[in-house]
Protein backbone atom coordinates (compact mmCIF):
# COMPACT_ATOMS: atom_id res chain seq x y z
CA MET A 1 64.70 46.22 3.29
CA GLN A 2 61.68 45.62 5.52
CA LYS A 3 61.02 42.28 3.83
CA ASP A 4 64.64 41.27 4.37
CA GLN A 5 64.38 42.15 8.07
CA THR A 6 61.13 40.19 8.40
CA LEU A 7 62.64 37.17 6.65
CA LYS A 8 65.63 37.36 8.98
CA GLY A 9 63.31 37.36 11.99
CA VAL A 10 61.32 34.37 10.75
CA LEU A 11 64.51 32.40 10.00
CA LEU A 12 65.81 33.19 13.49
CA ALA A 13 62.50 31.93 14.91
CA PHE A 14 62.82 28.66 12.98
CA ALA A 15 66.38 28.32 14.31
CA ALA A 16 65.11 29.00 17.85
CA PHE A 17 62.49 26.27 17.71
CA ALA A 18 65.01 23.88 16.19
CA ALA A 19 67.22 24.58 19.22
CA TYR A 20 64.24 23.93 21.51
CA ALA A 21 63.61 20.60 19.76
CA PHE A 22 67.27 19.58 20.15
CA SER A 23 67.01 20.61 23.81
CA ASP A 24 63.99 18.36 24.34
CA ALA A 25 65.72 15.50 22.52
CA SER A 26 68.69 15.91 24.87
CA VAL A 27 66.59 15.41 27.99
CA LYS A 28 64.84 12.44 26.36
CA LEU A 29 68.24 10.80 25.81
CA ILE A 30 68.64 10.57 29.61
CA GLU A 31 65.86 7.96 29.38
CA GLY A 32 64.49 8.61 32.85
CA GLN A 33 67.70 7.50 34.59
CA LEU A 34 67.51 10.72 36.62
CA SER A 35 64.33 11.99 38.23
CA PRO A 36 62.42 14.66 36.26
CA TYR A 37 63.00 16.99 39.23
CA GLN A 38 66.77 16.58 39.01
CA SER A 39 66.85 16.90 35.22
CA SER A 40 64.70 20.04 35.43
CA PHE A 41 66.86 21.56 38.17
CA LEU A 42 70.19 20.93 36.45
CA GLY A 43 68.82 22.02 33.08
CA ALA A 44 67.65 25.29 34.64
CA ALA A 45 71.11 25.78 36.16
CA PHE A 46 72.59 25.68 32.66
CA CYS A 47 69.85 28.09 31.50
CA LEU A 48 71.36 30.75 33.78
CA VAL A 49 74.02 31.18 31.10
CA GLY A 50 71.42 32.97 28.98
CA LEU A 51 70.69 35.72 31.50
CA PRO A 52 73.40 38.20 30.38
CA PHE A 53 72.19 37.91 26.78
CA ILE A 54 68.56 38.54 27.73
CA MET A 55 69.42 41.79 29.49
CA LYS A 56 68.79 44.98 27.55
CA LYS A 57 70.39 48.38 27.88
CA GLY A 58 69.48 49.85 31.25
CA ASP A 59 68.63 46.49 32.84
CA ARG A 60 70.19 45.62 36.17
CA TRP A 61 70.77 42.22 37.76
CA ALA A 62 68.26 43.16 40.45
CA ASP A 63 65.59 43.35 37.73
CA ILE A 64 65.52 39.55 37.74
CA PHE A 65 63.56 39.87 40.97
CA ASN A 66 61.76 43.15 40.27
CA THR A 67 58.24 43.04 38.92
CA THR A 68 55.16 45.17 38.38
CA ASN A 69 52.97 42.52 40.02
CA ARG A 70 54.50 40.22 42.66
CA PRO A 71 51.59 37.70 42.95
CA LEU A 72 51.53 37.16 39.18
CA TRP A 73 55.34 36.99 39.05
CA PHE A 74 55.21 34.27 41.70
CA LEU A 75 52.50 32.43 39.79
CA ARG A 76 54.81 32.45 36.75
CA PHE A 77 57.60 31.25 39.09
CA VAL A 78 55.57 28.19 40.13
CA ALA A 79 53.95 27.52 36.76
CA GLN A 80 57.30 27.33 34.96
CA ALA A 81 58.56 24.76 37.46
CA GLY A 82 55.45 22.63 37.06
CA GLY A 83 55.53 22.94 33.28
CA THR A 84 59.19 21.93 33.11
CA ILE A 85 58.59 18.84 35.24
CA GLY A 86 55.58 17.94 33.08
CA SER A 87 57.51 18.38 29.84
CA VAL A 88 60.51 16.35 31.02
CA THR A 89 58.15 13.57 32.16
CA ALA A 90 56.35 13.65 28.80
CA PHE A 91 59.52 13.43 26.72
CA THR A 92 60.81 10.63 28.96
CA HIS A 93 57.76 8.38 28.55
CA LEU A 94 56.30 9.33 25.15
CA SER A 95 57.52 9.71 21.61
CA MET A 96 58.53 13.30 20.90
CA ALA A 97 55.72 13.69 18.35
CA GLU A 98 53.07 12.54 20.81
CA ALA A 99 54.47 14.71 23.60
CA PHE A 100 54.48 17.81 21.37
CA ALA A 101 50.97 17.07 20.13
CA LEU A 102 49.55 17.16 23.66
CA ILE A 103 51.65 20.11 24.79
CA PHE A 104 50.39 22.02 21.74
CA LEU A 105 46.96 22.09 23.41
CA LEU A 106 48.29 25.26 25.01
CA PRO A 107 46.25 27.69 22.81
CA SER A 108 43.05 25.91 23.76
CA PHE A 109 43.91 26.18 27.45
CA VAL A 110 44.72 29.88 26.97
CA THR A 111 41.31 30.51 25.40
CA ILE A 112 39.46 28.75 28.23
CA MET A 113 41.47 30.42 30.99
CA SER A 114 41.16 33.85 29.38
CA VAL A 115 37.38 33.54 29.53
CA ILE A 116 37.42 32.38 33.17
CA PHE A 117 40.10 34.66 34.64
CA LEU A 118 40.34 37.64 32.27
CA LYS A 119 36.62 37.76 31.38
CA GLU A 120 37.56 37.91 27.72
CA LYS A 121 34.77 37.44 25.22
CA VAL A 122 35.42 34.59 22.82
CA GLY A 123 33.43 34.00 19.66
CA VAL A 124 32.43 30.93 17.69
CA LYS A 125 35.65 30.63 15.67
CA ARG A 126 37.96 30.42 18.66
CA TRP A 127 35.61 28.06 20.51
CA SER A 128 35.60 25.93 17.36
CA ALA A 129 39.40 25.84 17.52
CA VAL A 130 39.20 24.62 21.13
CA VAL A 131 36.76 21.85 20.19
CA ILE A 132 38.94 20.77 17.25
CA GLY A 133 41.97 20.65 19.54
CA PHE A 134 40.29 18.42 22.10
CA ILE A 135 38.93 16.12 19.38
CA GLY A 136 42.53 15.78 18.21
CA VAL A 137 43.58 14.82 21.74
CA MET A 138 40.92 12.12 21.91
CA VAL A 139 42.15 10.74 18.58
CA VAL A 140 45.78 10.72 19.81
CA LEU A 141 45.00 9.22 23.22
CA ARG A 142 42.20 6.84 22.19
CA PRO A 143 41.15 6.23 25.81
CA GLY A 144 39.95 2.67 26.30
CA PHE A 145 41.91 1.42 23.29
CA ARG A 146 45.47 2.04 24.49
CA GLU A 147 47.25 2.35 27.80
CA LEU A 148 47.74 5.88 29.08
CA SER A 149 50.85 6.71 31.08
CA ILE A 150 52.22 9.40 33.37
CA GLY A 151 53.84 10.82 30.23
CA HIS A 152 50.43 11.78 28.84
CA LEU A 153 49.54 13.50 32.10
CA GLY A 154 52.91 15.28 32.07
CA ALA A 155 52.39 16.55 28.51
CA VAL A 156 48.92 17.92 29.26
CA PHE A 157 50.21 19.51 32.47
CA GLY A 158 53.08 21.03 30.52
CA GLY A 159 50.64 22.67 28.12
CA LEU A 160 48.40 23.79 30.97
CA SER A 161 51.33 25.33 32.88
CA GLY A 162 52.43 27.15 29.73
CA ALA A 163 48.91 28.51 29.36
CA ILE A 164 49.02 29.80 32.94
CA SER A 165 52.19 31.72 32.07
CA ILE A 166 50.53 33.19 28.97
CA VAL A 167 47.48 34.34 30.94
CA VAL A 168 49.85 35.86 33.51
CA PHE A 169 51.54 37.86 30.72
CA ARG A 170 48.18 39.05 29.45
CA ALA A 171 47.19 40.15 32.93
CA MET A 172 50.51 41.92 33.61
CA GLY A 173 50.63 43.74 30.30
CA PRO A 174 53.70 44.66 28.21
CA SER A 175 55.46 46.68 30.92
CA GLU A 176 57.16 43.68 32.52
CA LYS A 177 60.83 43.37 31.58
CA ASN A 178 62.13 40.36 29.66
CA ILE A 179 64.80 39.79 32.29
CA SER A 180 62.13 39.57 35.00
CA LEU A 181 60.00 37.12 33.02
CA TYR A 182 62.97 34.94 32.11
CA GLY A 183 64.30 35.13 35.65
CA ALA A 184 60.98 34.13 37.21
CA GLY A 185 60.84 30.98 35.08
CA VAL A 186 64.44 29.91 35.64
CA LEU A 187 64.42 30.73 39.36
CA GLY A 188 61.12 28.93 39.86
CA THR A 189 62.49 25.78 38.28
CA LEU A 190 65.72 26.01 40.28
CA VAL A 191 64.00 26.48 43.63
CA VAL A 192 61.01 24.14 43.27
CA CYS A 193 62.73 21.35 41.33
CA GLY A 194 65.89 21.68 43.43
CA ALA A 195 63.91 21.10 46.62
CA LEU A 196 62.06 18.12 45.12
CA ALA A 197 65.30 16.62 43.73
CA VAL A 198 67.17 16.51 47.04
CA PRO A 199 65.72 13.22 48.46
CA GLY A 200 66.58 11.12 45.40
CA PHE A 201 69.54 13.07 44.03
CA MET A 202 72.03 10.99 42.02
CA ALA A 203 75.40 12.05 40.66
CA PRO A 204 75.02 12.21 36.85
CA THR A 205 77.43 10.25 34.70
CA ALA A 206 79.64 12.04 32.18
CA ILE A 207 77.23 11.32 29.31
CA GLN A 208 74.27 12.47 31.41
CA TRP A 209 76.07 15.75 32.14
CA LEU A 210 76.45 16.14 28.38
CA TRP A 211 72.73 15.65 27.77
CA LEU A 212 71.83 17.95 30.67
CA ALA A 213 74.13 20.65 29.31
CA GLY A 214 72.52 20.26 25.89
CA TYR A 215 69.07 20.48 27.46
CA GLY A 216 69.76 23.70 29.37
CA LEU A 217 72.17 25.51 27.06
CA LEU A 218 70.13 24.88 23.91
CA ALA A 219 66.98 26.12 25.68
CA ALA A 220 68.87 29.29 26.66
CA LEU A 221 70.13 29.70 23.08
CA ALA A 222 66.57 29.29 21.79
CA ALA A 223 65.29 32.01 24.12
CA ILE A 224 68.01 34.37 22.93
CA LEU A 225 67.31 33.61 19.27
CA LEU A 226 63.60 34.26 19.84
CA MET A 227 64.36 37.60 21.43
CA TYR A 228 66.39 38.64 18.38
CA ALA A 229 63.73 37.25 16.05
CA ALA A 230 61.17 39.49 17.73
CA ASN A 231 63.33 42.49 16.86
CA TYR A 232 62.99 41.81 13.15
CA ALA A 233 59.59 40.15 12.63
CA PRO A 234 56.13 40.64 14.15
CA ALA A 235 55.02 38.08 16.71
CA THR A 236 52.12 37.04 14.46
CA LEU A 237 54.71 35.61 12.05
CA ILE A 238 56.92 34.14 14.76
CA GLY A 239 54.09 32.28 16.53
CA PRO A 240 53.31 29.68 13.85
CA THR A 241 56.99 28.76 13.43
CA GLN A 242 56.89 26.87 16.73
CA TYR A 243 54.96 24.08 15.01
CA SER A 244 58.14 23.29 13.09
CA GLN A 245 59.10 21.44 16.26
CA MET A 246 56.80 18.65 15.13
CA ILE A 247 58.98 18.10 12.05
CA TRP A 248 62.03 17.79 14.26
CA ALA A 249 60.09 15.46 16.57
CA VAL A 250 59.30 13.09 13.71
CA ILE A 251 62.91 13.20 12.45
CA PHE A 252 64.34 12.50 15.91
CA GLY A 253 61.72 9.84 16.50
CA TYR A 254 62.66 7.82 13.45
CA LEU A 255 66.42 8.40 13.38
CA VAL A 256 67.30 8.43 17.09
CA PHE A 257 64.54 6.91 19.22
CA GLY A 258 62.97 4.34 16.88
CA ASP A 259 59.47 5.80 17.25
CA HIS A 260 56.63 5.00 14.87
CA ILE A 261 53.52 7.10 14.29
CA ASP A 262 50.29 5.37 13.25
CA LEU A 263 47.52 6.91 11.14
CA PRO A 264 45.18 7.86 14.04
CA MET A 265 48.04 9.72 15.72
CA VAL A 266 48.82 11.58 12.49
CA ILE A 267 45.16 12.62 12.23
CA GLY A 268 45.12 13.76 15.87
CA ILE A 269 48.35 15.72 15.46
CA VAL A 270 46.97 17.48 12.37
CA LEU A 271 43.79 18.42 14.26
CA ILE A 272 45.71 19.77 17.27
CA ILE A 273 48.14 21.80 15.16
CA GLY A 274 45.26 23.06 13.02
CA SER A 275 43.49 24.17 16.20
CA GLY A 276 46.57 26.10 17.34
CA LEU A 277 47.12 27.76 13.97
CA LEU A 278 43.44 28.75 13.75
CA THR A 279 43.72 30.40 17.17
CA LEU A 280 46.84 32.29 16.10
CA MET A 281 45.11 33.43 12.89
CA ARG A 282 42.20 34.80 14.91
CA GLU A 283 44.60 36.64 17.23
CA LYS A 284 46.31 38.20 14.20
CA VAL A 285 42.96 39.40 12.84
CA ARG A 286 42.03 40.86 16.24
CA GLY A 287 45.43 42.56 16.57
CA THR A 288 46.16 40.93 19.92
CA PRO A 289 49.75 41.53 21.10
CA LEU A 290 51.78 38.43 21.87
CA PRO A 291 54.10 37.88 24.85
CA PRO A 292 57.81 38.69 24.91
CA ALA A 293 59.62 35.98 22.97
CA VAL A 294 61.81 34.99 25.91
CA ALA A 295 58.99 34.75 28.40
CA PRO A 296 57.43 31.31 28.05
CA ASN A 297 59.00 27.91 27.90
CA ALA A 298 59.74 25.94 24.73
CA GLN A 299 56.16 25.08 24.00
CA ALA A 300 54.58 28.33 25.17
CA ALA A 301 56.86 30.68 23.28
CA ALA A 302 55.26 33.31 21.07
CA MET A 303 51.66 32.33 21.86
CA ILE A 304 48.67 34.52 22.64
CA ALA A 305 49.26 37.14 25.31
CA PRO A 306 48.85 40.53 26.88
CA ASP A 307 45.83 42.77 26.68
CA GLY A 308 43.59 40.62 24.55
CA GLY A 309 40.79 43.15 24.59
CA ASP A 310 37.15 42.15 24.55
CA LYS A 311 36.37 41.70 20.86
CA LYS A 312 34.65 38.51 19.91
CA SER A 313 36.37 36.30 17.37
């Protein structure tokens, strides 16, 4: 019975990250015809649909704004907005595979920031994972040999913003409610991106509304699926399933967007994903709890989180 429950949780996690990939493909289909601020704002508005499903027994609507630590809640509020803008920019200007590869630097950023801000002790194996990840980035980007764009900056910023959210979760601990974490991210994107979108706001066309609805509603569905997945399977099994997004990225790239991946990019992607998986393996060995499944954004979901302790690994 336990194995069946675990399998159910893992399958739900795969379904969640498939929904996230379809969500990202939806915003890419807008092709930059709307500003990333406007796409982020309207996508977040559709994400509000997920709030009733995130609420647990005993939760109140006011809990969206309640928190155990207001400064960290606000940091999550701002980081989610910045990460969403970065991700939308990345998917607009890069192939999905390349965007995911750079965003998947998130575990390396978490390791570095945990040392700086949480004073966590990190051993050789996790530092090795960080080095491998950044080597992979150099292979993907090949600075000096190919033109870099704002999309690359957006992807890296998306991963960095996700890492900020993860470090916030680790600092806050497991007492923060899912509804508060989800609310902080959605509200931050609505407020920040809404304000930035006003000067250049354009009325979306019917097809753009369709893609925006797909972007927001599928992201909300993914968050809900992840929450249910976490009820059946441990986070250490859910975490690695997020790399299945790369498979969807390659499929969408070839079938929908006409993308092509060369050998150096394949090598870089393998190094970056290997770096992330190595970090997750070390967290499993150390017994580090992971964040609530609904807390981070698409790329940050189910990564390293609260109360990492001070063991070296």
